[in-house]
C-alpha atoms as a PDB file:
ATOM      1  CA  UNK A   1      13.727  -5.782  40.646  1.00  0.00           C
ATOM      2  CA  UNK A   2      13.558  -9.297  39.156  1.00  0.00           C
ATOM      3  CA  UNK A   3       9.388  -8.505  37.827  1.00  0.00           C
ATOM      4  CA  UNK A   4      11.045  -5.337  36.102  1.00  0.00           C
ATOM      5  CA  UNK A   5      14.306  -7.276  34.531  1.00  0.00           C
ATOM      6  CA  UNK A   6      11.939  -9.728  33.000  1.00  0.00           C
ATOM      7  CA  UNK A   7       9.435  -6.964  31.786  1.00  0.00           C
ATOM      8  CA  UNK A   8      13.038  -5.629  29.934  1.00  0.00           C
ATOM      9  CA  UNK A   9      14.125  -8.718  28.689  1.00  0.00           C
ATOM     10  CA  UNK A  10      10.590  -9.648  27.326  1.00  0.00           C
ATOM     11  CA  UNK A  11      10.253  -5.982  25.671  1.00  0.00           C
ATOM     12  CA  UNK A  12      13.035  -6.566  23.912  1.00  0.00           C
ATOM     13  CA  UNK A  13      12.589 -10.143  22.270  1.00  0.00           C
ATOM     14  CA  UNK A  14       8.891  -8.375  20.716  1.00  0.00           C
ATOM     15  CA  UNK A  15      10.842  -5.519  20.068  1.00  0.00           C
ATOM     16  CA  UNK A  16      10.839  -5.620  15.819  1.00  0.00           C
ATOM     17  CA  UNK A  17      13.941  -4.656  14.582  1.00  0.00           C
ATOM     18  CA  UNK A  18      14.536  -2.583  11.550  1.00  0.00           C
ATOM     19  CA  UNK A  19      13.507  -3.838   7.617  1.00  0.00           C
ATOM     20  CA  UNK A  20      17.041  -2.556   6.333  1.00  0.00           C
ATOM     21  CA  UNK A  21      18.729  -5.124   8.789  1.00  0.00           C
ATOM     22  CA  UNK A  22      16.159  -7.978   9.143  1.00  0.00           C
ATOM     23  CA  UNK A  23      15.397  -7.936   4.800  1.00  0.00           C
ATOM     24  CA  UNK A  24      18.179 -10.196   4.024  1.00  0.00           C
ATOM     25  CA  UNK A  25      16.676 -12.468   6.197  1.00  0.00           C
ATOM     26  CA  UNK A  26      12.896 -12.659   5.344  1.00  0.00           C
ATOM     27  CA  UNK A  27      14.210 -12.621   1.695  1.00  0.00           C
ATOM     28  CA  UNK A  28      15.859 -15.909   2.186  1.00  0.00           C
ATOM     29  CA  UNK A  29      12.752 -16.718   4.179  1.00  0.00           C
ATOM     30  CA  UNK A  30      10.947 -16.929   1.047  1.00  0.00           C
ATOM     31  CA  UNK A  31      13.361 -19.157  -1.086  1.00  0.00           C
ATOM     32  CA  UNK A  32      12.344 -22.215   1.227  1.00  0.00           C
ATOM     33  CA  UNK A  33      10.014 -24.526   0.266  1.00  0.00           C
ATOM     34  CA  UNK A  34       6.954 -23.217   2.719  1.00  0.00           C
ATOM     35  CA  UNK A  35       7.893 -19.703   1.486  1.00  0.00           C
ATOM     36  CA  UNK A  36       7.803 -20.612  -2.283  1.00  0.00           C
ATOM     37  CA  UNK A  37       4.484 -22.315  -1.770  1.00  0.00           C
ATOM     38  CA  UNK A  38       3.091 -18.911  -0.102  1.00  0.00           C
ATOM     39  CA  UNK A  39       4.740 -16.785  -2.951  1.00  0.00           C
ATOM     40  CA  UNK A  40       3.035 -18.399  -5.701  1.00  0.00           C
ATOM     41  CA  UNK A  41      -0.227 -18.221  -3.876  1.00  0.00           C
ATOM     42  CA  UNK A  42       0.334 -14.723  -3.625  1.00  0.00           C
ATOM     43  CA  UNK A  43       0.894 -14.151  -7.050  1.00  0.00           C
ATOM     44  CA  UNK A  44      -2.422 -16.250  -8.380  1.00  0.00           C
ATOM     45  CA  UNK A  45      -4.313 -14.017  -6.219  1.00  0.00           C
ATOM     46  CA  UNK A  46      -2.485 -10.736  -7.429  1.00  0.00           C
ATOM     47  CA  UNK A  47      -3.343 -12.132 -10.981  1.00  0.00           C
ATOM     48  CA  UNK A  48      -6.708 -12.240 -10.613  1.00  0.00           C
ATOM     49  CA  UNK A  49      -6.960  -8.621  -8.369  1.00  0.00           C
ATOM     50  CA  UNK A  50      -4.309  -6.521 -10.606  1.00  0.00           C
ATOM     51  CA  UNK A  51      -6.519  -7.843 -13.984  1.00  0.00           C
ATOM     52  CA  UNK A  52      -9.364  -5.431 -12.546  1.00  0.00           C
ATOM     53  CA  UNK A  53      -7.228  -2.287 -11.439  1.00  0.00           C
ATOM     54  CA  UNK A  54      -6.199   0.472 -13.490  1.00  0.00           C
ATOM     55  CA  UNK A  55      -4.213   3.714 -14.094  1.00  0.00           C
ATOM     56  CA  UNK A  56      -0.541   4.648 -14.699  1.00  0.00           C
ATOM     57  CA  UNK A  57       1.945   4.203 -11.620  1.00  0.00           C
ATOM     58  CA  UNK A  58       2.105   0.986  -9.463  1.00  0.00           C
ATOM     59  CA  UNK A  59       4.441   0.837  -6.737  1.00  0.00           C
ATOM     60  CA  UNK A  60       5.351  -2.633  -5.072  1.00  0.00           C
ATOM     61  CA  UNK A  61       6.413  -2.249  -0.993  1.00  0.00           C
ATOM     62  CA  UNK A  62       7.520  -6.080  -0.418  1.00  0.00           C
ATOM     63  CA  UNK A  63      10.020  -7.966   1.933  1.00  0.00           C
ATOM     64  CA  UNK A  64      10.972  -9.975  -0.930  1.00  0.00           C
ATOM     65  CA  UNK A  65      12.663  -6.944  -3.571  1.00  0.00           C
ATOM     66  CA  UNK A  66      13.317  -8.315  -6.152  1.00  0.00           C
ATOM     67  CA  UNK A  67      10.549 -10.322  -7.069  1.00  0.00           C
ATOM     68  CA  UNK A  68       8.044  -9.016  -9.341  1.00  0.00           C
ATOM     69  CA  UNK A  69       5.104  -9.301  -7.544  1.00  0.00           C
ATOM     70  CA  UNK A  70       2.586  -7.411 -10.474  1.00  0.00           C
ATOM     71  CA  UNK A  71       3.909  -9.106 -13.361  1.00  0.00           C
ATOM     72  CA  UNK A  72       0.010  -9.544 -15.279  1.00  0.00           C
ATOM     73  CA  UNK A  73      -0.863  -5.633 -14.171  1.00  0.00           C
ATOM     74  CA  UNK A  74      -1.857  -3.748 -17.362  1.00  0.00           C
ATOM     75  CA  UNK A  75      -0.258  -0.406 -16.103  1.00  0.00           C
ATOM     76  CA  UNK A  76       2.696   0.100 -17.805  1.00  0.00           C
ATOM     77  CA  UNK A  77       5.201   1.745 -15.641  1.00  0.00           C
ATOM     78  CA  UNK A  78       5.774  -0.857 -12.659  1.00  0.00           C
ATOM     79  CA  UNK A  79       8.146  -0.169  -9.849  1.00  0.00           C
ATOM     80  CA  UNK A  80       9.320  -1.088  -6.311  1.00  0.00           C
ATOM     81  CA  UNK A  81      11.166   0.176  -3.577  1.00  0.00           C
ATOM     82  CA  UNK A  82      12.839  -1.127  -0.426  1.00  0.00           C
ATOM     83  CA  UNK A  83      15.555   0.292   2.212  1.00  0.00           C
ATOM     84  CA  UNK A  84      18.551  -1.684   1.395  1.00  0.00           C
ATOM     85  CA  UNK A  85      19.469  -3.601  -1.663  1.00  0.00           C
ATOM     86  CA  UNK A  86      19.141  -7.561  -1.600  1.00  0.00           C
ATOM     87  CA  UNK A  87      20.929  -9.607  -4.015  1.00  0.00           C
ATOM     88  CA  UNK A  88      18.381 -12.042  -5.850  1.00  0.00           C
ATOM     89  CA  UNK A  89      19.298 -15.483  -5.656  1.00  0.00           C
ATOM     90  CA  UNK A  90      21.312 -17.021  -8.446  1.00  0.00           C
ATOM     91  CA  UNK A  91      19.270 -17.242 -11.633  1.00  0.00           C
ATOM     92  CA  UNK A  92      19.059 -16.830 -15.448  1.00  0.00           C
ATOM     93  CA  UNK A  93      17.040 -13.568 -15.396  1.00  0.00           C
ATOM     94  CA  UNK A  94      18.464 -12.109 -12.257  1.00  0.00           C
ATOM     95  CA  UNK A  95      19.159  -8.559 -13.873  1.00  0.00           C
ATOM     96  CA  UNK A  96      15.636  -8.341 -14.455  1.00  0.00           C
ATOM     97  CA  UNK A  97      14.742  -8.944 -10.792  1.00  0.00           C
ATOM     98  CA  UNK A  98      16.030  -6.574  -8.725  1.00  0.00           C
ATOM     99  CA  UNK A  99      15.017  -3.528  -6.530  1.00  0.00           C
ATOM    100  CA  UNK A 100      14.797   0.039  -8.452  1.00  0.00           C
ATOM    101  CA  UNK A 101      14.917   2.318  -5.622  1.00  0.00           C
ATOM    102  CA  UNK A 102      15.821   2.686  -2.445  1.00  0.00           C
ATOM    103  CA  UNK A 103      14.284   4.473   0.199  1.00  0.00           C
ATOM    104  CA  UNK A 104      12.677   4.440   3.788  1.00  0.00           C
ATOM    105  CA  UNK A 105       8.906   2.846   3.787  1.00  0.00           C
ATOM    106  CA  UNK A 106       7.596   5.391   6.661  1.00  0.00           C
ATOM    107  CA  UNK A 107       9.263   8.365   4.501  1.00  0.00           C
ATOM    108  CA  UNK A 108       9.000   7.773   0.861  1.00  0.00           C
ATOM    109  CA  UNK A 109      10.440   9.975  -1.628  1.00  0.00           C
ATOM    110  CA  UNK A 110       7.248  10.452  -4.105  1.00  0.00           C
ATOM    111  CA  UNK A 111       4.796  13.349  -4.358  1.00  0.00           C
ATOM    112  CA  UNK A 112       1.112  13.298  -3.242  1.00  0.00           C
ATOM    113  CA  UNK A 113      -0.981  11.729  -4.655  1.00  0.00           C
ATOM    114  CA  UNK A 114       1.188  10.067  -7.621  1.00  0.00           C
ATOM    115  CA  UNK A 115       0.344   6.400  -6.857  1.00  0.00           C
ATOM    116  CA  UNK A 116      -2.551   4.268  -8.676  1.00  0.00           C
ATOM    117  CA  UNK A 117      -1.889   1.358  -6.925  1.00  0.00           C
ATOM    118  CA  UNK A 118       0.636   0.071  -4.273  1.00  0.00           C
ATOM    119  CA  UNK A 119       1.350  -2.758  -2.988  1.00  0.00           C
ATOM    120  CA  UNK A 120       2.160  -3.580   0.547  1.00  0.00           C
ATOM    121  CA  UNK A 121       3.557  -7.444   0.627  1.00  0.00           C
ATOM    122  CA  UNK A 122       3.983  -8.206   4.208  1.00  0.00           C
ATOM    123  CA  UNK A 123       5.749  -4.725   5.211  1.00  0.00           C
ATOM    124  CA  UNK A 124       3.312  -3.708   8.017  1.00  0.00           C
ATOM    125  CA  UNK A 125       4.010  -6.494  10.212  1.00  0.00           C
ATOM    126  CA  UNK A 126       7.757  -6.447  10.295  1.00  0.00           C
ATOM    127  CA  UNK A 127       8.494  -2.186   9.943  1.00  0.00           C
ATOM    128  CA  UNK A 128       9.016  -0.638  13.794  1.00  0.00           C
ATOM    129  CA  UNK A 129       5.691   1.820  12.684  1.00  0.00           C
ATOM    130  CA  UNK A 130       3.809  -0.274  10.608  1.00  0.00           C
ATOM    131  CA  UNK A 131       0.995   2.819  11.009  1.00  0.00           C
ATOM    132  CA  UNK A 132       3.758   5.383   9.499  1.00  0.00           C
ATOM    133  CA  UNK A 133       4.012   3.071   6.814  1.00  0.00           C
ATOM    134  CA  UNK A 134       0.127   2.959   5.676  1.00  0.00           C
ATOM    135  CA  UNK A 135       0.297   6.749   6.575  1.00  0.00           C
ATOM    136  CA  UNK A 136       2.928   7.220   3.444  1.00  0.00           C
ATOM    137  CA  UNK A 137       1.199   4.523   1.492  1.00  0.00           C
ATOM    138  CA  UNK A 138      -2.305   6.469   1.693  1.00  0.00           C
ATOM    139  CA  UNK A 139      -0.356  10.138   1.012  1.00  0.00           C
ATOM    140  CA  UNK A 140       1.088   8.806  -1.886  1.00  0.00           C
ATOM    141  CA  UNK A 141      -2.595   7.105  -3.448  1.00  0.00           C
ATOM    142  CA  UNK A 142      -4.446   9.244  -5.561  1.00  0.00           C
ATOM    143  CA  UNK A 143      -7.998   9.635  -4.995  1.00  0.00           C
ATOM    144  CA  UNK A 144      -9.674   6.385  -6.312  1.00  0.00           C
ATOM    145  CA  UNK A 145      -6.911   4.645  -6.019  1.00  0.00           C
ATOM    146  CA  UNK A 146      -6.233   1.315  -4.453  1.00  0.00           C
ATOM    147  CA  UNK A 147      -4.041  -0.508  -1.998  1.00  0.00           C
ATOM    148  CA  UNK A 148      -3.203  -4.134  -1.834  1.00  0.00           C
ATOM    149  CA  UNK A 149      -1.962  -5.695   1.611  1.00  0.00           C
ATOM    150  CA  UNK A 150      -0.153  -9.352   2.365  1.00  0.00           C
ATOM    151  CA  UNK A 151       0.158  -9.871   6.185  1.00  0.00           C
ATOM    152  CA  UNK A 152       0.223 -12.644   8.126  1.00  0.00           C
ATOM    153  CA  UNK A 153      -2.998 -14.336  10.162  1.00  0.00           C
ATOM    154  CA  UNK A 154      -2.283 -13.881  14.075  1.00  0.00           C
ATOM    155  CA  UNK A 155      -4.964 -16.183  14.554  1.00  0.00           C
ATOM    156  CA  UNK A 156      -3.689 -19.300  12.843  1.00  0.00           C
ATOM    157  CA  UNK A 157      -1.351 -22.404  13.259  1.00  0.00           C
ATOM    158  CA  UNK A 158       1.859 -20.566  11.660  1.00  0.00           C
ATOM    159  CA  UNK A 159       0.289 -17.463  14.030  1.00  0.00           C
ATOM    160  CA  UNK A 160       0.335 -20.042  17.458  1.00  0.00           C
ATOM    161  CA  UNK A 161       3.886 -21.419  16.190  1.00  0.00           C
ATOM    162  CA  UNK A 162       5.223 -17.505  15.989  1.00  0.00           C
ATOM    163  CA  UNK A 163       3.602 -16.717  19.317  1.00  0.00           C
ATOM    164  CA  UNK A 164       5.763 -19.528  21.008  1.00  0.00           C
ATOM    165  CA  UNK A 165       9.013 -19.412  18.762  1.00  0.00           C
ATOM    166  CA  UNK A 166       9.926 -15.629  19.373  1.00  0.00           C
ATOM    167  CA  UNK A 167      10.709 -16.158  22.616  1.00  0.00           C
ATOM    168  CA  UNK A 168      13.641 -18.989  21.875  1.00  0.00           C
ATOM    169  CA  UNK A 169      14.399 -17.729  18.174  1.00  0.00           C
ATOM    170  CA  UNK A 170      16.372 -15.091  17.009  1.00  0.00           C
ATOM    171  CA  UNK A 171      14.809 -15.142  13.094  1.00  0.00           C
ATOM    172  CA  UNK A 172      13.640 -12.376  11.863  1.00  0.00           C
ATOM    173  CA  UNK A 173      10.735 -14.392  10.533  1.00  0.00           C
ATOM    174  CA  UNK A 174       9.722 -15.122  14.329  1.00  0.00           C
ATOM    175  CA  UNK A 175       9.959 -11.524  15.285  1.00  0.00           C
ATOM    176  CA  UNK A 176       7.071 -10.042  13.886  1.00  0.00           C
ATOM    177  CA  UNK A 177       3.615  -7.922  14.865  1.00  0.00           C
ATOM    178  CA  UNK A 178       0.678  -9.806  15.484  1.00  0.00           C
ATOM    179  CA  UNK A 179      -1.268  -7.582  12.953  1.00  0.00           C
ATOM    180  CA  UNK A 180      -5.320  -8.471  12.893  1.00  0.00           C
ATOM    181  CA  UNK A 181      -7.413  -8.166   9.737  1.00  0.00           C
ATOM    182  CA  UNK A 182      -9.249  -6.099  11.828  1.00  0.00           C
ATOM    183  CA  UNK A 183      -6.717  -3.238  13.522  1.00  0.00           C
ATOM    184  CA  UNK A 184      -5.771  -2.780   9.585  1.00  0.00           C
ATOM    185  CA  UNK A 185      -8.974  -2.431   8.626  1.00  0.00           C
ATOM    186  CA  UNK A 186      -9.469   0.653  10.974  1.00  0.00           C
ATOM    187  CA  UNK A 187      -6.281   1.946  10.058  1.00  0.00           C
ATOM    188  CA  UNK A 188      -7.788   2.000   6.730  1.00  0.00           C
ATOM    189  CA  UNK A 189     -10.935   3.748   7.638  1.00  0.00           C
ATOM    190  CA  UNK A 190      -8.899   6.451   9.634  1.00  0.00           C
ATOM    191  CA  UNK A 191      -6.859   7.088   6.329  1.00  0.00           C
ATOM    192  CA  UNK A 192     -10.274   7.592   4.145  1.00  0.00           C
ATOM    193  CA  UNK A 193     -10.257   4.080   2.611  1.00  0.00           C
ATOM    194  CA  UNK A 194     -12.729   1.557   2.223  1.00  0.00           C
ATOM    195  CA  UNK A 195     -11.967  -2.323   1.884  1.00  0.00           C
ATOM    196  CA  UNK A 196     -13.320  -4.188  -0.772  1.00  0.00           C
ATOM    197  CA  UNK A 197     -12.282  -7.600   0.104  1.00  0.00           C
ATOM    198  CA  UNK A 198     -10.916  -9.340   3.143  1.00  0.00           C
ATOM    199  CA  UNK A 199      -9.700 -13.103   1.906  1.00  0.00           C
ATOM    200  CA  UNK A 200      -7.301 -15.697   3.622  1.00  0.00           C
ATOM    201  CA  UNK A 201      -5.159 -17.980   2.086  1.00  0.00           C
ATOM    202  CA  UNK A 202      -2.416 -20.735   3.098  1.00  0.00           C
ATOM    203  CA  UNK A 203      -5.348 -23.019   4.904  1.00  0.00           C
ATOM    204  CA  UNK A 204      -2.494 -26.049   4.593  1.00  0.00           C
ATOM    205  CA  UNK A 205      -0.312 -26.998   7.694  1.00  0.00           C
ATOM    206  CA  UNK A 206       2.932 -24.959   8.360  1.00  0.00           C
ATOM    207  CA  UNK A 207       5.087 -27.367   7.592  1.00  0.00           C
ATOM    208  CA  UNK A 208       8.777 -26.600   5.991  1.00  0.00           C
ATOM    209  CA  UNK A 209       9.055 -29.351   3.794  1.00  0.00           C
ATOM    210  CA  UNK A 210       9.004 -29.793  -0.009  1.00  0.00           C
ATOM    211  CA  UNK A 211       7.692 -33.376  -0.509  1.00  0.00           C
ATOM    212  CA  UNK A 212       4.902 -32.520   2.210  1.00  0.00           C
ATOM    213  CA  UNK A 213       3.667 -29.632   0.154  1.00  0.00           C
ATOM    214  CA  UNK A 214       3.607 -31.474  -3.055  1.00  0.00           C
ATOM    215  CA  UNK A 215       1.771 -34.340  -1.824  1.00  0.00           C
ATOM    216  CA  UNK A 216      -0.898 -32.178   0.328  1.00  0.00           C
ATOM    217  CA  UNK A 217      -2.470 -29.788  -1.484  1.00  0.00           C
ATOM    218  CA  UNK A 218      -5.445 -31.154  -1.342  1.00  0.00           C
ATOM    219  CA  UNK A 219      -5.432 -30.476   2.167  1.00  0.00           C
ATOM    220  CA  UNK A 220      -5.581 -26.997   1.451  1.00  0.00           C
ATOM    221  CA  UNK A 221      -9.099 -27.294  -0.560  1.00  0.00           C
ATOM    222  CA  UNK A 222     -10.273 -29.528   2.263  1.00  0.00           C
ATOM    223  CA  UNK A 223      -9.301 -26.752   5.082  1.00  0.00           C
ATOM    224  CA  UNK A 224     -10.869 -23.959   3.139  1.00  0.00           C
ATOM    225  CA  UNK A 225     -14.836 -25.571   3.064  1.00  0.00           C
ATOM    226  CA  UNK A 226     -14.294 -26.114   6.980  1.00  0.00           C
ATOM    227  CA  UNK A 227     -11.488 -23.997   8.217  1.00  0.00           C
ATOM    228  CA  UNK A 228     -12.303 -19.567   7.580  1.00  0.00           C
ATOM    229  CA  UNK A 229      -9.265 -17.939   8.616  1.00  0.00           C
ATOM    230  CA  UNK A 230      -5.487 -18.765   7.270  1.00  0.00           C
ATOM    231  CA  UNK A 231      -2.256 -18.480   7.768  1.00  0.00           C
ATOM    232  CA  UNK A 232      -1.965 -15.597   5.616  1.00  0.00           C
ATOM    233  CA  UNK A 233      -4.712 -12.562   4.473  1.00  0.00           C
ATOM    234  CA  UNK A 234      -4.844  -9.764   1.616  1.00  0.00           C
ATOM    235  CA  UNK A 235      -7.088  -6.810   1.712  1.00  0.00           C
ATOM    236  CA  UNK A 236      -7.494  -4.377  -1.063  1.00  0.00           C
ATOM    237  CA  UNK A 237      -8.912  -1.015  -0.124  1.00  0.00           C
ATOM    238  CA  UNK A 238      -9.802   1.822  -2.020  1.00  0.00           C
ATOM    239  CA  UNK A 239      -9.010   5.423  -1.258  1.00  0.00           C
ATOM    240  CA  UNK A 240     -12.596   7.447  -1.235  1.00  0.00           C
ATOM    241  CA  UNK A 241     -10.917  10.945  -0.515  1.00  0.00           C
ATOM    242  CA  UNK A 242     -12.460  12.656  -3.253  1.00  0.00           C
ATOM    243  CA  UNK A 243      -9.989  15.053  -5.132  1.00  0.00           C
ATOM    244  CA  UNK A 244     -10.130  18.993  -5.537  1.00  0.00           C
ATOM    245  CA  UNK A 245     -12.249  20.293  -8.105  1.00  0.00           C
ATOM    246  CA  UNK A 246     -11.923  24.259  -8.492  1.00  0.00           C
ATOM    247  CA  UNK A 247     -14.706  26.536  -9.111  1.00  0.00           C
ATOM    248  CA  UNK A 248     -15.250  29.103 -11.062  1.00  0.00           C
ATOM    249  CA  UNK A 249     -16.845  32.191  -9.124  1.00  0.00           C
ATOM    250  CA  UNK A 250     -20.018  33.414 -10.450  1.00  0.00           C
ATOM    251  CA  UNK A 251     -19.011  36.900 -10.695  1.00  0.00           C
ATOM    252  CA  UNK A 252     -22.231  38.498 -12.648  1.00  0.00           C
ATOM    253  CA  UNK A 253     -24.589  36.857 -10.004  1.00  0.00           C
ATOM    254  CA  UNK A 254     -22.684  38.251  -7.278  1.00  0.00           C
ATOM    255  CA  UNK A 255     -24.353  41.623  -5.241  1.00  0.00           C
ATOM    256  CA  UNK A 256     -21.374  41.766  -2.884  1.00  0.00           C
ATOM    257  CA  UNK A 257     -20.971  45.384  -1.964  1.00  0.00           C
ATOM    258  CA  UNK A 258     -23.550  46.632  -3.908  1.00  0.00           C
ATOM    259  CA  UNK A 259     -21.739  46.052  -7.028  1.00  0.00           C
ATOM    260  CA  UNK A 260     -23.978  45.475 -10.221  1.00  0.00           C
ATOM    261  CA  UNK A 261     -23.023  45.446 -13.521  1.00  0.00           C
ATOM    262  CA  UNK A 262     -22.966  48.647 -15.816  1.00  0.00           C
ATOM    263  CA  UNK A 263     -25.605  48.077 -18.700  1.00  0.00           C
ATOM    264  CA  UNK A 264     -23.891  48.025 -22.386  1.00  0.00           C
ATOM    265  CA  UNK A 265     -24.923  50.911 -24.404  1.00  0.00           C
ATOM    266  CA  UNK A 266     -24.504  51.376 -28.134  1.00  0.00           C
ATOM    267  CA  UNK A 267     -21.409  53.062 -29.165  1.00  0.00           C
ATOM    268  CA  UNK A 268     -23.353  54.893 -32.047  1.00  0.00           C
ATOM    269  CA  UNK A 269     -25.427  56.671 -29.764  1.00  0.00           C
ATOM    270  CA  UNK A 270     -25.073  60.657 -29.866  1.00  0.00           C
ATOM    271  CA  UNK A 271     -26.938  61.620 -26.841  1.00  0.00           C
ATOM    272  CA  UNK A 272     -24.416  63.567 -24.235  1.00  0.00           C
ATOM    273  CA  UNK A 273     -25.594  61.274 -21.421  1.00  0.00           C
ATOM    274  CA  UNK A 274     -24.365  58.003 -23.954  1.00  0.00           C
ATOM    275  CA  UNK A 275     -21.106  59.883 -24.987  1.00  0.00           C
ATOM    276  CA  UNK A 276     -20.557  60.321 -20.927  1.00  0.00           C
ATOM    277  CA  UNK A 277     -19.590  56.587 -20.691  1.00  0.00           C
ATOM    278  CA  UNK A 278     -17.448  56.334 -23.831  1.00  0.00           C
ATOM    279  CA  UNK A 279     -13.517  56.080 -23.205  1.00  0.00           C
ATOM    280  CA  UNK A 280     -11.072  59.348 -24.009  1.00  0.00           C
ATOM    281  CA  UNK A 281      -9.096  59.332 -26.914  1.00  0.00           C
ATOM    282  CA  UNK A 282      -6.239  61.544 -27.438  1.00  0.00           C
ATOM    283  CA  UNK A 283      -4.796  61.668 -30.705  1.00  0.00           C
ATOM    284  CA  UNK A 284      -1.124  62.584 -30.669  1.00  0.00           C
ATOM    285  CA  UNK A 285      -0.431  64.739 -33.814  1.00  0.00           C
END
């Protein structure tokens, strides 16, 4: 009896809340010094990755919906979707940092194969059904389109802190799923994607203090040479599903049911045999 009750308590603590309930708290964490440092590094990565990706439409699904992660993209039409409206912090350009559409991430109101580049910014580990969110992103991505995924790495110092903090803290930043990079790669391969690159970032100590983060940037460079893993990782994948191209049937070469083409005859022929195939013409006087 006590064992079953303990399992229920542990299961309720590990349950990921809906993203519409935790989105405001997650966006507030990114306003902290540690969140701002992570966001700056991710924007630097996107600046290099998006410079090589082209298309007509780009979609952002992020836990910080008012941040523009694709400012350096060459795609003209860029928009973001969010399950709930989160007001941006007070700033001069607050009107330019706002979500452009409200939608559930596991049921996107978009047509199949209509997006060229999709950015999934930490929405998989904070969603109750991450596989469905990734499936929807794959559905709306065009063939040969790209998906860029950012996620927290469970095999890091921040991952170890999350394993302990999720038992005594109710903050949504700790109530996330531990999604390995290999697991997401398996999901992508199942959805006809091929992983182009997988890199880790954020090797600094997860200390949420601005003075430490400003004076310890060299730690990230030192750990990048010795520690292969980081607190976050990103995956760039391409959809290898071939598009359908209609093929015109070769009717002239068909012999189905003994059908053969009728040889053409001269319209000036005067023989009775050739005149028999001419169309009848009735003149009305």
